[in-house]
Amino acid sequence: MTTVTVRLDDKTRKELEQVAEEMGESISEVVRKAIHLAWFTTMQERMRKESAEIASDPAEREEAERIREWARYLAS
């Protein structure tokens, strides 16, 4: 397991302690969850951007429609 040292200002330290208390978890576990949440949020944003790019590309929309038609055929 990796150890990370973080410098926190007073406000952030108090918030972290409050969250840990509210969740009934250690500060380490709260930080791990915060990192996982940040990763998840970043991936969601990446998917939104990529989806918007695909949606604006006529060739990609055509391919998506062919896939939907194929899926409907398979489901019938």
Protein backbone atom coordinates (compact mmCIF):
# COMPACT_ATOMS: atom_id res chain seq x y z
CA MET A 1 0.00 0.00 0.00
CA THR A 2 1.26 3.50 -0.84
CA THR A 3 1.45 6.27 1.71
CA VAL A 4 0.60 9.80 0.61
CA THR A 5 1.37 12.94 2.59
CA VAL A 6 -0.98 15.86 2.05
CA ARG A 7 -0.77 19.35 3.48
CA LEU A 8 -4.21 20.54 4.53
CA ASP A 9 -5.25 24.01 5.52
CA ASP A 10 -7.35 24.32 8.69
CA LYS A 11 -10.66 24.49 6.83
CA THR A 12 -9.95 21.35 4.81
CA ARG A 13 -8.68 19.46 7.86
CA LYS A 14 -11.87 20.32 9.78
CA GLU A 15 -14.04 19.29 6.84
CA LEU A 16 -12.16 16.01 6.48
CA GLU A 17 -12.50 15.26 10.19
CA GLN A 18 -16.22 16.09 10.06
CA VAL A 19 -16.81 13.84 7.06
CA ALA A 20 -14.89 11.00 8.71
CA GLU A 21 -16.96 11.39 11.87
CA GLU A 22 -20.24 11.55 9.93
CA MET A 23 -19.32 8.44 7.94
CA GLY A 24 -17.93 6.65 10.97
CA GLU A 25 -14.75 5.86 9.04
CA SER A 26 -11.07 6.62 9.29
CA ILE A 27 -9.59 9.62 7.58
CA SER A 28 -7.64 7.26 5.32
CA GLU A 29 -10.84 5.55 4.19
CA VAL A 30 -12.53 8.91 3.54
CA VAL A 31 -9.54 10.02 1.44
CA ARG A 32 -9.59 6.73 -0.51
CA LYS A 33 -13.31 7.19 -1.21
CA ALA A 34 -12.72 10.80 -2.28
CA ILE A 35 -10.06 9.64 -4.74
CA HIS A 36 -12.39 6.95 -6.13
CA LEU A 37 -15.16 9.53 -6.48
CA ALA A 38 -12.82 11.94 -8.27
CA TRP A 39 -11.75 9.14 -10.65
CA PHE A 40 -15.37 8.14 -11.32
CA THR A 41 -16.39 11.76 -11.95
CA THR A 42 -13.45 12.21 -14.33
CA MET A 43 -14.42 9.07 -16.27
CA GLN A 44 -18.04 10.22 -16.49
CA GLU A 45 -16.94 13.56 -17.92
CA ARG A 46 -14.68 11.81 -20.43
CA MET A 47 -17.58 9.61 -21.55
CA ARG A 48 -19.84 12.68 -21.91
CA LYS A 49 -17.26 14.43 -24.09
CA GLU A 50 -16.62 11.34 -26.22
CA SER A 51 -20.36 10.74 -26.58
CA ALA A 52 -20.88 14.33 -27.73
CA GLU A 53 -18.08 13.95 -30.29
CA ILE A 54 -19.57 10.71 -31.58
CA ALA A 55 -23.07 12.18 -31.69
CA SER A 56 -21.87 15.09 -33.81
CA ASP A 57 -20.13 12.81 -36.35
CA PRO A 58 -22.50 11.72 -39.15
CA ALA A 59 -20.48 8.56 -39.88
CA GLU A 60 -20.60 7.54 -36.21
CA ARG A 61 -24.37 8.17 -36.07
CA GLU A 62 -24.82 5.98 -39.16
CA GLU A 63 -22.79 3.19 -37.60
CA ALA A 64 -24.76 3.47 -34.35
CA GLU A 65 -28.01 3.15 -36.30
CA ARG A 66 -26.70 0.04 -38.09
CA ILE A 67 -25.80 -1.47 -34.71
CA ARG A 68 -29.28 -0.65 -33.34
CA GLU A 69 -30.89 -2.26 -36.39
CA TRP A 70 -28.73 -5.34 -35.95
CA ALA A 71 -29.64 -5.51 -32.25
CA ARG A 72 -33.35 -5.23 -33.09
CA TYR A 73 -32.93 -8.02 -35.65
CA LEU A 74 -31.21 -10.24 -33.08
CA ALA A 75 -33.90 -9.52 -30.49
CA SER A 76 -36.72 -10.48 -32.85
